[in-house]
Amino acid sequence: MSGPTPVQILDPTPIPDVSILVLGTDATSITFYPLGHSENPLYSSKTDESGNNTKIRHENDGRELASIHKKKNLMSLRGGPLIKVKSWLVDTKEPVHGVCFKVGSETYTWDLDPSSRLTLYSVHSKPVAWYTPSDRNLQPTSGPPSITRAYLALTPEAENFREEIIISYILVLQKRRSSSSKGFNVWALFDLLNCLSSV
């Protein structure tokens, strides 16, 4: 008697004119690697055993992009002084309900798009990056069961501030983990999406 069919772990399908960073996760860390190059991660986020301290690094040269101290709601950027998380990733209640950060004079906002996908918008409401959770097809009508890995999609504009996107994304996930439905609407909705179901 044959056993259960092994589940295939798949990378996402390429998207024209969009860079894809595939996510690999475990209980305390996230790695981001270019599509098709899982052996060469570009970025990593690692949290210590206390769950309070997270380091985000560029894997190619070991640079620290950010240090996050969750319990105190403090962070530092690229080895700089400690600042309040909310002073960098700011709640924006109007005209959209999300969180935003600045790159130079431009403001970018994380919010949910009409299909409830976590999306980063420019000030002109144009999507510049988005997160797609893993797709679990465990009972297919044909072929073996499969799981397609979660990923961040980056448009050409997003490539200009990719590190800020990585940092803000990690902060969004941490906020999602610690928030309840009493928090910002975007966090409550994000919680319902179970967006941490990446493989």
Protein backbone atom coordinates (compact mmCIF):
# COMPACT_ATOMS: atom_id res chain seq x y z
CA MET A 1 0.00 0.00 0.00
CA SER A 2 1.40 3.36 -1.00
CA GLY A 3 1.69 6.19 1.52
CA PRO A 4 0.38 9.74 1.21
CA THR A 5 1.55 11.76 -1.77
CA PRO A 6 4.37 14.14 -0.77
CA VAL A 7 3.49 17.82 -0.78
CA GLN A 8 5.43 19.83 -3.33
CA ILE A 9 6.86 23.15 -2.13
CA LEU A 10 6.78 25.59 -5.04
CA ASP A 11 8.15 29.03 -5.74
CA PRO A 12 5.62 31.60 -7.01
CA THR A 13 5.15 32.25 -10.71
CA PRO A 14 7.20 35.17 -12.12
CA ILE A 15 5.33 38.44 -12.73
CA PRO A 16 6.40 40.62 -15.70
CA ASP A 17 8.29 43.79 -14.69
CA VAL A 18 8.07 42.89 -10.99
CA SER A 19 10.84 41.62 -8.69
CA ILE A 20 9.84 38.85 -6.31
CA LEU A 21 11.38 38.20 -2.92
CA VAL A 22 10.29 34.78 -1.69
CA LEU A 23 9.86 34.30 2.06
CA GLY A 24 11.24 31.40 4.05
CA THR A 25 10.13 31.30 7.67
CA ASP A 26 10.44 29.42 10.91
CA ALA A 27 9.38 30.25 14.46
CA THR A 28 11.92 33.04 15.01
CA SER A 29 13.24 34.12 11.62
CA ILE A 30 12.30 35.18 8.11
CA THR A 31 14.58 35.11 5.09
CA PHE A 32 13.98 36.89 1.80
CA TYR A 33 15.54 35.47 -1.33
CA PRO A 34 15.26 36.26 -5.06
CA LEU A 35 12.92 34.03 -7.01
CA GLY A 36 14.75 30.84 -7.98
CA HIS A 37 17.72 31.47 -5.67
CA SER A 38 16.80 30.05 -2.27
CA GLU A 39 20.47 29.34 -1.59
CA ASN A 40 21.29 33.07 -1.71
CA PRO A 41 19.07 35.00 0.74
CA LEU A 42 19.28 38.77 0.45
CA TYR A 43 17.78 39.76 3.81
CA SER A 44 17.02 38.13 7.13
CA SER A 45 14.99 39.00 10.21
CA LYS A 46 15.86 37.10 13.38
CA THR A 47 14.16 37.41 16.77
CA ASP A 48 15.78 36.27 20.02
CA GLU A 49 14.25 33.73 22.42
CA SER A 50 12.53 36.45 24.45
CA GLY A 51 10.57 37.51 21.37
CA ASN A 52 11.39 41.15 22.13
CA ASN A 53 14.52 41.86 20.10
CA THR A 54 14.72 41.55 16.32
CA LYS A 55 17.66 42.19 14.02
CA ILE A 56 17.14 42.79 10.30
CA ARG A 57 20.27 42.33 8.20
CA HIS A 58 21.48 42.43 4.63
CA GLU A 59 22.84 38.94 4.13
CA ASN A 60 25.35 39.82 1.40
CA ASP A 61 27.48 42.13 3.53
CA GLY A 62 26.11 41.57 7.04
CA ARG A 63 24.92 45.16 7.44
CA GLU A 64 22.35 45.74 10.13
CA LEU A 65 19.35 47.48 8.61
CA ALA A 66 17.32 47.77 11.79
CA SER A 67 17.18 46.68 15.40
CA ILE A 68 13.69 46.45 16.89
CA HIS A 69 12.96 46.34 20.61
CA LYS A 70 9.34 45.26 20.64
CA LYS A 71 8.61 45.49 24.37
CA LYS A 72 9.79 49.10 24.55
CA ASN A 73 8.40 50.02 21.09
CA LEU A 74 11.82 51.32 20.10
CA MET A 75 13.98 50.80 17.02
CA SER A 76 17.20 51.95 15.44
CA LEU A 77 17.92 52.26 11.73
CA ARG A 78 21.31 51.23 10.32
CA GLY A 79 23.02 51.52 13.70
CA GLY A 80 21.60 54.96 14.45
CA PRO A 81 20.07 56.19 17.72
CA LEU A 82 16.99 54.59 19.25
CA ILE A 83 13.70 56.12 18.14
CA LYS A 84 10.06 55.30 18.81
CA VAL A 85 8.63 52.86 16.29
CA LYS A 86 5.54 55.04 15.88
CA SER A 87 7.69 58.01 14.89
CA TRP A 88 8.94 56.11 11.83
CA LEU A 89 5.93 53.91 11.00
CA VAL A 90 3.05 56.29 11.55
CA ASP A 91 -0.67 55.61 11.82
CA THR A 92 -2.56 57.35 9.01
CA LYS A 93 -6.24 57.62 9.81
CA GLU A 94 -7.08 59.92 6.92
CA PRO A 95 -7.60 59.62 3.98
CA VAL A 96 -6.72 55.91 4.28
CA HIS A 97 -6.48 53.78 7.39
CA GLY A 98 -3.04 52.18 7.44
CA VAL A 99 0.53 52.95 8.45
CA CYS A 100 3.05 54.99 6.53
CA PHE A 101 6.74 55.84 6.39
CA LYS A 102 8.72 58.43 4.47
CA VAL A 103 11.57 58.04 2.02
CA GLY A 104 12.94 61.50 1.40
CA SER A 105 9.91 63.67 0.67
CA GLU A 106 7.72 60.74 -0.49
CA THR A 107 5.20 59.00 1.77
CA TYR A 108 4.32 55.32 1.36
CA THR A 109 1.40 53.60 3.09
CA TRP A 110 0.74 49.96 3.96
CA ASP A 111 -2.96 49.14 3.68
CA LEU A 112 -5.25 46.40 2.39
CA ASP A 113 -6.27 46.48 -1.25
CA PRO A 114 -9.85 45.67 -2.41
CA SER A 115 -9.02 41.94 -2.35
CA SER A 116 -7.64 42.22 1.23
CA ARG A 117 -4.02 41.85 0.11
CA LEU A 118 -1.47 43.79 2.13
CA THR A 119 -0.23 46.46 -0.28
CA LEU A 120 2.19 49.37 -0.14
CA TYR A 121 0.86 52.48 -1.89
CA SER A 122 2.57 55.64 -3.04
CA VAL A 123 1.08 59.03 -2.26
CA HIS A 124 -0.76 58.79 -5.58
CA SER A 125 -2.54 55.59 -4.46
CA LYS A 126 -0.44 53.53 -6.85
CA PRO A 127 0.62 50.06 -5.61
CA VAL A 128 4.40 49.83 -5.47
CA ALA A 129 4.73 46.56 -3.51
CA TRP A 130 2.49 43.86 -2.09
CA TYR A 131 2.56 40.72 0.02
CA THR A 132 0.98 37.46 -1.10
CA PRO A 133 0.66 34.70 1.53
CA SER A 134 1.39 31.08 0.74
CA ASP A 135 -1.14 29.23 -1.38
CA ARG A 136 -1.98 25.78 0.00
CA ASN A 137 -3.46 23.42 -2.56
CA LEU A 138 -3.53 20.27 -0.44
CA GLN A 139 -6.51 18.56 -2.09
CA PRO A 140 -6.04 19.18 -5.82
CA THR A 141 -8.43 17.72 -8.38
CA SER A 142 -5.37 16.65 -10.36
CA GLY A 143 -1.65 16.39 -9.69
CA PRO A 144 0.15 16.23 -6.33
CA PRO A 145 -0.72 18.49 -3.37
CA SER A 146 1.38 21.64 -3.26
CA ILE A 147 2.19 24.76 -1.30
CA THR A 148 3.36 27.89 -3.13
CA ARG A 149 5.61 30.01 -0.95
CA ALA A 150 4.65 33.47 0.27
CA TYR A 151 6.37 36.44 -1.36
CA LEU A 152 6.85 40.19 -1.53
CA ALA A 153 6.40 41.70 -4.99
CA LEU A 154 8.36 44.88 -5.79
CA THR A 155 7.70 47.19 -8.72
CA PRO A 156 10.60 49.12 -10.32
CA GLU A 157 9.76 52.12 -8.10
CA ALA A 158 10.00 49.95 -4.98
CA GLU A 159 13.51 48.83 -5.90
CA ASN A 160 14.71 52.34 -5.01
CA PHE A 161 13.89 51.84 -1.32
CA ARG A 162 13.78 48.08 -0.92
CA GLU A 163 15.43 48.10 2.51
CA GLU A 164 12.78 50.43 3.94
CA ILE A 165 10.10 48.10 2.58
CA ILE A 166 11.68 45.11 4.30
CA ILE A 167 11.96 46.97 7.62
CA SER A 168 8.39 48.29 7.50
CA TYR A 169 7.04 44.89 6.48
CA ILE A 170 8.64 43.23 9.51
CA LEU A 171 7.16 45.93 11.75
CA VAL A 172 3.74 45.32 10.21
CA LEU A 173 4.01 41.61 10.98
CA GLN A 174 5.05 42.30 14.56
CA LYS A 175 2.13 44.67 14.98
CA ARG A 176 -0.18 42.04 13.54
CA ARG A 177 1.02 39.48 16.07
CA SER A 178 0.50 41.73 19.08
CA SER A 179 -2.70 43.51 18.07
CA SER A 180 -6.30 42.64 18.75
CA SER A 181 -9.46 43.83 17.07
CA LYS A 182 -9.29 46.92 19.28
CA GLY A 183 -6.32 48.22 17.31
CA PHE A 184 -6.17 49.85 13.90
CA ASN A 185 -8.63 48.40 11.39
CA VAL A 186 -5.79 47.39 9.11
CA TRP A 187 -4.27 45.21 11.85
CA ALA A 188 -7.56 43.51 12.70
CA LEU A 189 -8.18 42.71 9.02
CA PHE A 190 -4.61 41.58 8.55
CA ASP A 191 -5.02 39.23 11.51
CA LEU A 192 -8.03 37.61 9.86
CA LEU A 193 -6.03 36.98 6.69
CA ASN A 194 -3.61 34.71 8.55
CA CYS A 195 -0.85 36.24 6.49
CA LEU A 196 1.87 34.48 8.45
CA SER A 197 1.02 31.16 6.80
CA SER A 198 4.17 31.27 4.67
CA VAL A 199 6.41 28.26 4.30
